[in-house]
Amino acid sequence: NTFNNVVINKTNGITISAGTHQVNGTMTFTSGIVTQNATLQFLNGSSAASASNTSYVNGIVTKVGTNAFTFPIGAGGLYRPIAISAPSPSSTFTAQYVNTNPNALYPNAQRAVTLDHISGAEYWLLNRTAGTANVNVTLSWGSNSGGVGNLSSLRVAAWNGSIWTDQGNSATTGNTSAGTVTSNASSVYGPYT
C-alpha cells in the first residue's frame, strides 16, 4: 500500500503486521500508537508530523531518498525521535527506539577515551541499509533519559561493533530536562545513544 497522506487518529492505536506500507506525503500523528511489525517506509520527500508521547511508531521505520528526516519513533509511552541530515547520494536508513539500558549488549566500559560514560537509559538502532551517504545524527532526551547536566559536554555515541565511538556534538537544543544533540557527520551505523 502507498499512501499520499495518512492521519493516525485511533486512541487504541493500530498494528501493522504484514506487507509493505509506504508514505509518499505526510503521516500525521494525532492519537494512538502504531505498532510496526512489517515494513513502514517513508519515500523521498515524505515526512512525519505531530508525533508525541501519545502517538508515534513503536517499531522499525524506513526512510528512502535524499531529504532530511525525523523518525517518528518511540516505545513505552515515550516519543523519542532520531533525525538524520539530508543524505547525498540517495540512501535508505532504518531506525528504532529501544527503551532499555544498552549495557547488556553494548557494554558501557567499552568506549572511546573521549567519552566519560554511556547512557544507561536508552538507545536507538540506526542503520544505513542501502547507499553510501554519511549523515549527521540528532538524538533526543527527556525525563526518562537519566538527566543531562551540561549540554556542551554531551556527545553522540555510536557502537562500531566493538566500542562506543565519539561522534561529536555539532549542536544542541533545549535544556537539561529535554532537548537534542547532533553529531558530526557519521560513517558508523548501528546502536546510538
N, C-alpha and C. Protein backbone atom coordinates (compact mmCIF):
# COMPACT_ATOMS: atom_id res chain seq x y z
N ASN A 1 0.84 -1.19 0.00
CA ASN A 1 0.00 0.00 0.00
C ASN A 1 0.87 1.24 0.00
N THR A 2 0.49 2.22 -0.80
CA THR A 2 1.17 3.52 -0.78
C THR A 2 0.15 4.59 -0.46
N PHE A 3 0.44 5.40 0.55
CA PHE A 3 -0.44 6.47 0.98
C PHE A 3 0.19 7.80 0.60
N ASN A 4 -0.59 8.71 0.00
CA ASN A 4 -0.07 10.05 -0.25
C ASN A 4 -0.01 10.81 1.06
N ASN A 5 -1.08 10.82 1.81
CA ASN A 5 -1.12 11.43 3.13
C ASN A 5 -1.96 10.52 4.01
N VAL A 6 -1.55 10.35 5.25
CA VAL A 6 -2.29 9.48 6.16
C VAL A 6 -2.29 10.12 7.55
N VAL A 7 -3.42 9.99 8.25
CA VAL A 7 -3.56 10.52 9.60
C VAL A 7 -3.79 9.35 10.55
N ILE A 8 -2.99 9.28 11.61
CA ILE A 8 -3.18 8.28 12.65
C ILE A 8 -4.01 8.95 13.74
N ASN A 9 -5.26 8.48 13.90
CA ASN A 9 -6.16 9.09 14.88
C ASN A 9 -7.07 7.99 15.43
N LYS A 10 -6.49 7.09 16.21
CA LYS A 10 -7.23 6.00 16.81
C LYS A 10 -6.67 5.78 18.21
N THR A 11 -7.44 6.12 19.21
CA THR A 11 -6.97 6.12 20.60
C THR A 11 -6.29 4.81 20.99
N ASN A 12 -6.84 3.69 20.58
CA ASN A 12 -6.26 2.38 20.92
C ASN A 12 -5.11 1.99 20.00
N GLY A 13 -4.79 2.82 19.01
CA GLY A 13 -3.67 2.55 18.12
C GLY A 13 -4.00 1.53 17.05
N ILE A 14 -3.00 1.26 16.22
CA ILE A 14 -3.14 0.29 15.14
C ILE A 14 -1.88 -0.58 15.11
N THR A 15 -2.03 -1.77 14.52
CA THR A 15 -0.90 -2.68 14.35
C THR A 15 -0.73 -2.96 12.87
N ILE A 16 0.49 -2.78 12.39
CA ILE A 16 0.84 -3.15 11.02
C ILE A 16 1.59 -4.47 11.14
N SER A 17 0.95 -5.56 10.71
CA SER A 17 1.52 -6.89 10.95
C SER A 17 2.07 -7.58 9.72
N ALA A 18 1.78 -7.05 8.53
CA ALA A 18 2.26 -7.71 7.32
C ALA A 18 2.34 -6.71 6.18
N GLY A 19 3.16 -7.03 5.20
CA GLY A 19 3.23 -6.23 3.99
C GLY A 19 4.16 -5.03 4.10
N THR A 20 4.20 -4.28 3.00
CA THR A 20 4.97 -3.05 2.93
C THR A 20 4.02 -1.89 2.78
N HIS A 21 4.14 -0.90 3.64
CA HIS A 21 3.27 0.27 3.65
C HIS A 21 4.14 1.50 3.47
N GLN A 22 3.89 2.25 2.40
CA GLN A 22 4.72 3.39 2.04
C GLN A 22 3.96 4.69 2.23
N VAL A 23 4.69 5.72 2.68
CA VAL A 23 4.14 7.06 2.80
C VAL A 23 4.81 7.92 1.74
N ASN A 24 4.00 8.54 0.87
CA ASN A 24 4.53 9.36 -0.21
C ASN A 24 4.14 10.82 -0.02
N GLY A 25 3.73 11.17 1.19
CA GLY A 25 3.32 12.53 1.53
C GLY A 25 3.66 12.78 2.98
N THR A 26 2.63 13.05 3.78
CA THR A 26 2.83 13.30 5.21
C THR A 26 2.02 12.31 6.03
N MET A 27 2.67 11.72 7.03
CA MET A 27 1.98 10.90 8.01
C MET A 27 1.82 11.76 9.25
N THR A 28 0.57 12.09 9.59
CA THR A 28 0.27 12.96 10.72
C THR A 28 -0.18 12.12 11.90
N PHE A 29 0.46 12.33 13.04
CA PHE A 29 0.15 11.58 14.25
C PHE A 29 -0.72 12.44 15.15
N THR A 30 -2.00 12.05 15.27
CA THR A 30 -2.95 12.78 16.11
C THR A 30 -3.18 12.06 17.43
N SER A 31 -3.46 10.76 17.35
CA SER A 31 -3.73 9.97 18.54
C SER A 31 -3.50 8.50 18.23
N GLY A 32 -2.85 7.79 19.16
CA GLY A 32 -2.68 6.34 19.01
C GLY A 32 -1.28 5.95 18.56
N ILE A 33 -0.83 4.81 19.07
CA ILE A 33 0.48 4.25 18.76
C ILE A 33 0.36 3.31 17.56
N VAL A 34 1.31 3.42 16.65
CA VAL A 34 1.39 2.49 15.52
C VAL A 34 2.40 1.41 15.91
N THR A 35 1.92 0.20 16.13
CA THR A 35 2.81 -0.92 16.42
C THR A 35 3.22 -1.52 15.09
N GLN A 36 4.50 -1.44 14.79
CA GLN A 36 5.01 -1.75 13.46
C GLN A 36 5.78 -3.06 13.50
N ASN A 37 5.21 -4.10 12.87
CA ASN A 37 5.86 -5.41 12.80
C ASN A 37 6.10 -5.84 11.36
N ALA A 38 5.88 -4.96 10.41
CA ALA A 38 6.06 -5.30 8.99
C ALA A 38 7.07 -4.31 8.40
N THR A 39 6.71 -3.59 7.34
CA THR A 39 7.58 -2.57 6.76
C THR A 39 6.79 -1.28 6.60
N LEU A 40 7.26 -0.23 7.27
CA LEU A 40 6.70 1.11 7.13
C LEU A 40 7.79 1.98 6.56
N GLN A 41 7.58 2.44 5.34
CA GLN A 41 8.63 3.12 4.58
C GLN A 41 8.18 4.51 4.16
N PHE A 42 8.99 5.52 4.48
CA PHE A 42 8.76 6.88 4.04
C PHE A 42 9.59 7.11 2.78
N LEU A 43 8.92 7.47 1.69
CA LEU A 43 9.60 7.66 0.41
C LEU A 43 10.26 9.04 0.35
N ASN A 44 11.08 9.27 -0.67
CA ASN A 44 11.80 10.53 -0.81
C ASN A 44 10.83 11.71 -0.80
N GLY A 45 11.12 12.69 0.03
CA GLY A 45 10.28 13.88 0.13
C GLY A 45 9.15 13.78 1.11
N SER A 46 8.89 12.60 1.66
CA SER A 46 7.79 12.43 2.60
C SER A 46 8.23 12.85 4.00
N SER A 47 7.25 12.99 4.91
CA SER A 47 7.58 13.46 6.26
C SER A 47 6.57 12.92 7.27
N ALA A 48 6.92 13.11 8.54
CA ALA A 48 6.03 12.79 9.65
C ALA A 48 5.75 14.08 10.40
N ALA A 49 4.53 14.22 10.93
CA ALA A 49 4.15 15.46 11.63
C ALA A 49 3.40 15.14 12.91
N SER A 50 3.61 15.97 13.91
CA SER A 50 2.83 15.99 15.16
C SER A 50 2.97 14.77 16.04
N ALA A 51 4.04 13.98 15.88
CA ALA A 51 4.24 12.84 16.78
C ALA A 51 4.43 13.35 18.20
N SER A 52 4.01 12.52 19.17
CA SER A 52 4.06 12.92 20.59
C SER A 52 4.11 11.66 21.44
N ASN A 53 4.10 11.83 22.76
CA ASN A 53 4.09 10.67 23.66
C ASN A 53 2.83 9.83 23.51
N THR A 54 1.78 10.36 22.90
CA THR A 54 0.55 9.61 22.73
C THR A 54 0.35 9.10 21.30
N SER A 55 1.29 9.44 20.40
CA SER A 55 1.13 8.99 19.02
C SER A 55 2.49 8.98 18.30
N TYR A 56 2.98 7.78 18.01
CA TYR A 56 4.27 7.59 17.35
C TYR A 56 4.32 6.17 16.81
N VAL A 57 5.44 5.76 16.24
CA VAL A 57 5.61 4.39 15.75
C VAL A 57 6.47 3.62 16.75
N ASN A 58 5.97 2.49 17.20
CA ASN A 58 6.74 1.58 18.04
C ASN A 58 7.19 0.44 17.14
N GLY A 59 8.43 0.50 16.69
CA GLY A 59 8.97 -0.49 15.77
C GLY A 59 9.92 0.17 14.80
N ILE A 60 10.28 -0.54 13.75
CA ILE A 60 11.25 -0.06 12.78
C ILE A 60 10.58 0.81 11.74
N VAL A 61 11.19 1.96 11.45
CA VAL A 61 10.74 2.87 10.39
C VAL A 61 11.86 2.98 9.37
N THR A 62 11.49 2.92 8.09
CA THR A 62 12.46 3.03 7.00
C THR A 62 12.27 4.35 6.28
N LYS A 63 13.39 4.99 5.91
CA LYS A 63 13.37 6.25 5.16
C LYS A 63 14.23 6.10 3.93
N VAL A 64 13.67 6.47 2.75
CA VAL A 64 14.37 6.34 1.47
C VAL A 64 14.55 7.72 0.86
N GLY A 65 15.71 7.99 0.25
CA GLY A 65 15.85 9.21 -0.54
C GLY A 65 16.91 10.15 -0.06
N THR A 66 16.70 11.45 -0.38
CA THR A 66 17.72 12.47 -0.14
C THR A 66 17.28 13.58 0.80
N ASN A 67 16.08 13.48 1.37
CA ASN A 67 15.65 14.55 2.27
C ASN A 67 16.02 14.25 3.72
N ALA A 68 16.31 15.32 4.49
CA ALA A 68 16.50 15.17 5.92
C ALA A 68 15.22 14.60 6.50
N PHE A 69 15.32 13.88 7.62
CA PHE A 69 14.14 13.18 8.12
C PHE A 69 14.23 12.97 9.62
N THR A 70 13.09 13.15 10.29
CA THR A 70 12.96 12.82 11.70
C THR A 70 12.09 11.58 11.82
N PHE A 71 12.66 10.52 12.35
CA PHE A 71 11.93 9.26 12.50
C PHE A 71 10.94 9.40 13.67
N PRO A 72 9.65 9.17 13.42
CA PRO A 72 8.61 9.37 14.45
C PRO A 72 8.47 8.14 15.35
N ILE A 73 9.52 7.82 16.11
CA ILE A 73 9.56 6.57 16.84
C ILE A 73 9.56 6.77 18.35
N GLY A 74 9.23 5.70 19.04
CA GLY A 74 9.23 5.71 20.50
C GLY A 74 8.88 4.33 21.02
N ALA A 75 8.71 4.25 22.33
CA ALA A 75 8.32 3.00 22.99
C ALA A 75 7.93 3.31 24.42
N GLY A 76 7.07 2.48 25.01
CA GLY A 76 6.72 2.61 26.41
C GLY A 76 6.10 3.93 26.79
N GLY A 77 5.31 4.53 25.88
CA GLY A 77 4.67 5.81 26.16
C GLY A 77 5.59 7.01 26.01
N LEU A 78 6.73 6.82 25.35
CA LEU A 78 7.70 7.90 25.15
C LEU A 78 7.97 8.09 23.67
N TYR A 79 7.73 9.29 23.17
CA TYR A 79 8.12 9.66 21.82
C TYR A 79 9.59 10.06 21.88
N ARG A 80 10.46 9.32 21.21
CA ARG A 80 11.90 9.55 21.28
C ARG A 80 12.48 9.57 19.86
N PRO A 81 12.33 10.68 19.16
CA PRO A 81 12.77 10.75 17.77
C PRO A 81 14.29 10.69 17.62
N ILE A 82 14.70 10.25 16.47
CA ILE A 82 16.07 10.35 15.99
C ILE A 82 15.96 10.95 14.60
N ALA A 83 16.87 11.85 14.25
CA ALA A 83 16.80 12.52 12.95
C ALA A 83 18.12 12.37 12.23
N ILE A 84 18.06 12.46 10.90
CA ILE A 84 19.27 12.44 10.07
C ILE A 84 19.24 13.65 9.14
N SER A 85 20.43 14.13 8.82
CA SER A 85 20.55 15.20 7.83
C SER A 85 20.29 14.61 6.44
N ALA A 86 20.18 15.47 5.45
CA ALA A 86 19.87 15.03 4.09
C ALA A 86 21.00 14.16 3.53
N PRO A 87 20.70 12.90 3.20
CA PRO A 87 21.74 12.03 2.65
C PRO A 87 22.02 12.35 1.18
N SER A 88 23.28 12.36 0.84
CA SER A 88 23.65 12.51 -0.57
C SER A 88 24.85 11.61 -0.82
N PRO A 89 24.73 10.65 -1.74
CA PRO A 89 23.61 10.39 -2.63
C PRO A 89 22.44 9.72 -1.91
N SER A 90 21.38 9.48 -2.67
CA SER A 90 20.19 8.84 -2.12
C SER A 90 20.57 7.55 -1.39
N SER A 91 20.02 7.38 -0.19
CA SER A 91 20.31 6.20 0.63
C SER A 91 19.06 5.81 1.40
N THR A 92 19.09 4.61 1.95
CA THR A 92 17.99 4.10 2.76
C THR A 92 18.48 3.87 4.18
N PHE A 93 17.71 4.37 5.15
CA PHE A 93 18.04 4.22 6.56
C PHE A 93 16.85 3.61 7.30
N THR A 94 17.14 2.82 8.33
CA THR A 94 16.10 2.32 9.22
C THR A 94 16.43 2.78 10.64
N ALA A 95 15.39 2.99 11.44
CA ALA A 95 15.61 3.40 12.83
C ALA A 95 14.54 2.79 13.73
N GLN A 96 14.96 2.53 14.98
CA GLN A 96 14.06 2.03 16.01
C GLN A 96 14.57 2.53 17.36
N TYR A 97 13.65 2.87 18.26
CA TYR A 97 14.00 3.29 19.61
C TYR A 97 13.89 2.11 20.56
N VAL A 98 14.88 1.96 21.45
CA VAL A 98 14.88 0.87 22.42
C VAL A 98 14.93 1.50 23.82
N ASN A 99 13.88 1.30 24.59
CA ASN A 99 13.73 1.94 25.89
C ASN A 99 14.33 1.08 27.00
N THR A 100 15.59 0.66 26.84
CA THR A 100 16.30 -0.12 27.86
C THR A 100 17.77 0.28 27.86
N ASN A 101 18.46 -0.10 28.92
CA ASN A 101 19.88 0.16 29.06
C ASN A 101 20.64 -0.65 28.00
N PRO A 102 21.52 -0.03 27.21
CA PRO A 102 22.25 -0.77 26.19
C PRO A 102 23.38 -1.64 26.75
N ASN A 103 23.72 -1.50 28.03
CA ASN A 103 24.92 -2.10 28.60
C ASN A 103 25.02 -3.61 28.40
N ALA A 104 23.91 -4.35 28.48
CA ALA A 104 23.97 -5.80 28.36
C ALA A 104 24.47 -6.25 26.99
N LEU A 105 24.10 -5.51 25.95
CA LEU A 105 24.51 -5.86 24.59
C LEU A 105 25.72 -5.06 24.11
N TYR A 106 25.82 -3.83 24.57
CA TYR A 106 26.86 -2.90 24.12
C TYR A 106 27.48 -2.27 25.37
N PRO A 107 28.49 -2.90 25.95
CA PRO A 107 28.98 -2.51 27.28
C PRO A 107 29.48 -1.07 27.38
N ASN A 108 29.03 -0.39 28.42
CA ASN A 108 29.42 0.97 28.72
C ASN A 108 30.94 1.10 28.85
N ALA A 109 31.57 0.09 29.42
CA ALA A 109 33.02 0.14 29.67
C ALA A 109 33.83 0.13 28.38
N GLN A 110 33.25 -0.33 27.30
CA GLN A 110 33.95 -0.38 26.02
C GLN A 110 33.62 0.89 25.24
N ARG A 111 34.39 1.96 25.48
CA ARG A 111 34.09 3.26 24.87
C ARG A 111 35.38 4.01 24.59
N ALA A 112 35.28 4.94 23.66
CA ALA A 112 36.42 5.80 23.34
C ALA A 112 36.83 6.59 24.57
N VAL A 113 38.10 6.93 24.67
CA VAL A 113 38.61 7.64 25.85
C VAL A 113 37.99 9.03 25.98
N THR A 114 37.45 9.57 24.89
CA THR A 114 36.83 10.90 24.94
C THR A 114 35.41 10.86 25.50
N LEU A 115 34.88 9.67 25.75
CA LEU A 115 33.54 9.52 26.31
C LEU A 115 33.64 9.16 27.79
N ASP A 116 33.05 9.99 28.65
CA ASP A 116 33.10 9.74 30.09
C ASP A 116 32.24 8.56 30.49
N HIS A 117 31.03 8.48 29.94
CA HIS A 117 30.14 7.37 30.20
C HIS A 117 29.08 7.31 29.10
N ILE A 118 28.35 6.22 29.09
CA ILE A 118 27.30 5.98 28.09
C ILE A 118 25.96 5.96 28.81
N SER A 119 24.94 6.48 28.18
CA SER A 119 23.60 6.48 28.77
C SER A 119 23.19 5.07 29.19
N GLY A 120 22.64 4.96 30.37
CA GLY A 120 22.10 3.70 30.85
C GLY A 120 20.59 3.64 30.74
N ALA A 121 20.01 4.57 29.98
CA ALA A 121 18.56 4.67 29.93
C ALA A 121 17.94 4.17 28.63
N GLU A 122 18.65 4.34 27.50
CA GLU A 122 18.00 4.13 26.20
C GLU A 122 19.04 4.12 25.10
N TYR A 123 18.60 3.62 23.93
CA TYR A 123 19.44 3.73 22.73
C TYR A 123 18.56 3.61 21.50
N TRP A 124 19.13 3.94 20.36
CA TRP A 124 18.45 3.85 19.07
C TRP A 124 19.26 2.93 18.18
N LEU A 125 18.57 2.22 17.29
CA LEU A 125 19.23 1.43 16.26
C LEU A 125 19.03 2.17 14.94
N LEU A 126 20.11 2.73 14.41
CA LEU A 126 20.07 3.43 13.13
C LEU A 126 21.01 2.71 12.18
N ASN A 127 20.46 2.25 11.07
CA ASN A 127 21.27 1.53 10.09
C ASN A 127 21.07 2.09 8.70
N ARG A 128 22.16 2.17 7.96
CA ARG A 128 22.09 2.52 6.54
C ARG A 128 22.01 1.19 5.80
N THR A 129 20.87 0.93 5.16
CA THR A 129 20.65 -0.37 4.52
C THR A 129 20.86 -0.33 3.02
N ALA A 130 20.99 0.86 2.43
CA ALA A 130 21.31 0.99 1.01
C ALA A 130 21.94 2.35 0.80
N GLY A 131 22.88 2.43 -0.14
CA GLY A 131 23.54 3.69 -0.45
C GLY A 131 24.84 3.86 0.31
N THR A 132 25.46 5.03 0.13
CA THR A 132 26.77 5.29 0.71
C THR A 132 26.84 6.58 1.50
N ALA A 133 25.73 7.26 1.68
CA ALA A 133 25.73 8.58 2.32
C ALA A 133 26.08 8.49 3.81
N ASN A 134 26.84 9.49 4.27
CA ASN A 134 27.07 9.70 5.69
C ASN A 134 26.21 10.88 6.12
N VAL A 135 25.67 10.83 7.31
CA VAL A 135 24.74 11.85 7.77
C VAL A 135 25.10 12.33 9.17
N ASN A 136 24.60 13.50 9.52
CA ASN A 136 24.62 13.95 10.91
C ASN A 136 23.40 13.32 11.57
N VAL A 137 23.57 12.89 12.81
CA VAL A 137 22.50 12.21 13.55
C VAL A 137 22.11 13.08 14.73
N THR A 138 20.80 13.28 14.91
CA THR A 138 20.29 14.05 16.04
C THR A 138 19.48 13.15 16.95
N LEU A 139 19.91 13.08 18.22
CA LEU A 139 19.22 12.29 19.24
C LEU A 139 18.46 13.21 20.17
N SER A 140 17.43 12.67 20.81
CA SER A 140 16.64 13.46 21.74
C SER A 140 16.80 12.91 23.15
N TRP A 141 16.52 13.73 24.15
CA TRP A 141 16.44 13.26 25.52
C TRP A 141 15.25 13.89 26.21
N GLY A 142 14.81 13.21 27.28
CA GLY A 142 13.66 13.68 28.05
C GLY A 142 13.75 13.19 29.48
N SER A 143 12.62 13.15 30.16
CA SER A 143 12.59 12.84 31.59
C SER A 143 13.10 11.45 31.92
N ASN A 144 13.01 10.51 30.98
CA ASN A 144 13.48 9.14 31.25
C ASN A 144 14.95 8.94 30.95
N SER A 145 15.63 9.95 30.45
CA SER A 145 16.99 9.77 29.93
C SER A 145 18.08 9.77 30.98
N GLY A 146 17.74 9.94 32.23
CA GLY A 146 18.73 9.86 33.27
C GLY A 146 19.37 11.19 33.64
N GLY A 147 18.93 12.26 33.04
CA GLY A 147 19.44 13.58 33.38
C GLY A 147 20.61 14.02 32.54
N VAL A 148 20.61 15.29 32.21
CA VAL A 148 21.69 15.92 31.47
C VAL A 148 22.17 17.08 32.32
N GLY A 149 23.47 17.12 32.60
CA GLY A 149 24.00 18.18 33.45
C GLY A 149 24.55 19.37 32.70
N ASN A 150 25.19 19.11 31.55
CA ASN A 150 25.88 20.16 30.81
C ASN A 150 25.74 19.89 29.32
N LEU A 151 24.97 20.69 28.62
CA LEU A 151 24.72 20.44 27.20
C LEU A 151 25.99 20.43 26.37
N SER A 152 26.94 21.29 26.69
CA SER A 152 28.15 21.37 25.88
C SER A 152 29.04 20.14 26.01
N SER A 153 28.87 19.37 27.09
CA SER A 153 29.70 18.17 27.26
C SER A 153 29.06 16.92 26.65
N LEU A 154 27.82 17.03 26.17
CA LEU A 154 27.15 15.89 25.53
C LEU A 154 27.88 15.48 24.25
N ARG A 155 27.86 14.19 23.99
CA ARG A 155 28.37 13.66 22.73
C ARG A 155 27.41 12.59 22.24
N VAL A 156 27.28 12.49 20.93
CA VAL A 156 26.56 11.38 20.34
C VAL A 156 27.55 10.22 20.29
N ALA A 157 27.12 9.05 20.76
CA ALA A 157 27.97 7.86 20.75
C ALA A 157 27.35 6.82 19.83
N ALA A 158 28.20 6.16 19.04
CA ALA A 158 27.75 5.10 18.13
C ALA A 158 28.62 3.87 18.34
N TRP A 159 27.98 2.71 18.42
CA TRP A 159 28.68 1.45 18.60
C TRP A 159 29.22 0.97 17.25
N ASN A 160 30.53 0.74 17.16
CA ASN A 160 31.13 0.34 15.88
C ASN A 160 31.34 -1.15 15.73
N GLY A 161 30.77 -1.93 16.63
CA GLY A 161 30.94 -3.38 16.61
C GLY A 161 31.80 -3.87 17.75
N SER A 162 32.62 -2.96 18.32
CA SER A 162 33.44 -3.36 19.45
C SER A 162 33.50 -2.31 20.55
N ILE A 163 33.35 -1.01 20.21
CA ILE A 163 33.34 0.03 21.23
C ILE A 163 32.37 1.14 20.84
N TRP A 164 31.98 1.94 21.86
CA TRP A 164 31.22 3.16 21.60
C TRP A 164 32.20 4.21 21.10
N THR A 165 31.93 4.76 19.93
CA THR A 165 32.79 5.79 19.34
C THR A 165 32.18 7.17 19.56
N ASP A 166 33.04 8.17 19.63
CA ASP A 166 32.62 9.56 19.86
C ASP A 166 32.28 10.19 18.51
N GLN A 167 30.99 10.51 18.32
CA GLN A 167 30.53 11.11 17.07
C GLN A 167 30.37 12.62 17.18
N GLY A 168 30.77 13.19 18.31
CA GLY A 168 30.82 14.63 18.47
C GLY A 168 29.52 15.27 18.89
N ASN A 169 29.57 16.61 18.91
CA ASN A 169 28.44 17.45 19.27
C ASN A 169 28.56 18.71 18.43
N SER A 170 27.81 18.76 17.33
CA SER A 170 27.86 19.94 16.46
C SER A 170 26.79 20.96 16.82
N ALA A 171 25.77 20.54 17.63
CA ALA A 171 24.70 21.46 18.04
C ALA A 171 23.85 20.81 19.11
N THR A 172 23.27 21.63 19.98
CA THR A 172 22.28 21.16 20.95
C THR A 172 21.09 22.12 20.94
N THR A 173 19.94 21.60 21.40
CA THR A 173 18.76 22.44 21.60
C THR A 173 18.19 22.09 22.96
N GLY A 174 17.31 22.92 23.46
CA GLY A 174 16.59 22.61 24.69
C GLY A 174 17.35 22.99 25.94
N ASN A 175 17.10 22.19 27.01
CA ASN A 175 17.71 22.45 28.31
C ASN A 175 18.04 21.11 28.96
N THR A 176 18.40 21.11 30.23
CA THR A 176 18.81 19.87 30.88
C THR A 176 17.65 18.89 31.07
N SER A 177 16.41 19.33 30.91
CA SER A 177 15.24 18.45 31.05
C SER A 177 14.86 17.75 29.76
N ALA A 178 15.00 18.44 28.63
CA ALA A 178 14.62 17.87 27.34
C ALA A 178 15.31 18.64 26.24
N GLY A 179 15.72 17.94 25.20
CA GLY A 179 16.38 18.62 24.09
C GLY A 179 16.94 17.64 23.09
N THR A 180 17.87 18.14 22.26
CA THR A 180 18.50 17.31 21.25
C THR A 180 19.99 17.61 21.18
N VAL A 181 20.74 16.64 20.69
CA VAL A 181 22.16 16.79 20.41
C VAL A 181 22.42 16.20 19.03
N THR A 182 23.23 16.91 18.23
CA THR A 182 23.51 16.50 16.86
C THR A 182 24.99 16.13 16.73
N SER A 183 25.25 15.03 16.06
CA SER A 183 26.62 14.56 15.84
C SER A 183 27.28 15.34 14.72
N ASN A 184 28.57 15.13 14.57
CA ASN A 184 29.26 15.48 13.33
C ASN A 184 28.86 14.41 12.31
N ALA A 185 29.23 14.59 11.05
CA ALA A 185 28.88 13.59 10.04
C ALA A 185 29.41 12.22 10.46
N SER A 186 28.57 11.20 10.36
CA SER A 186 28.92 9.88 10.88
C SER A 186 28.98 8.84 9.77
N SER A 187 29.94 7.94 9.89
CA SER A 187 30.01 6.80 8.98
C SER A 187 29.85 5.50 9.74
N VAL A 188 29.47 5.60 11.03
CA VAL A 188 29.25 4.41 11.86
C VAL A 188 27.74 4.26 12.03
N TYR A 189 27.22 3.05 11.79
CA TYR A 189 25.79 2.82 11.93
C TYR A 189 25.54 1.59 12.78
N GLY A 190 24.44 1.61 13.50
CA GLY A 190 24.06 0.57 14.45
C GLY A 190 23.47 1.24 15.66
N PRO A 191 23.83 0.80 16.87
CA PRO A 191 23.32 1.44 18.09
C PRO A 191 23.88 2.85 18.28
N TYR A 192 23.02 3.75 18.69
CA TYR A 192 23.39 5.15 19.01
C TYR A 192 22.82 5.50 20.38
N THR A 193 23.53 6.35 21.13
CA THR A 193 22.99 6.90 22.35
C THR A 193 23.76 8.16 22.70
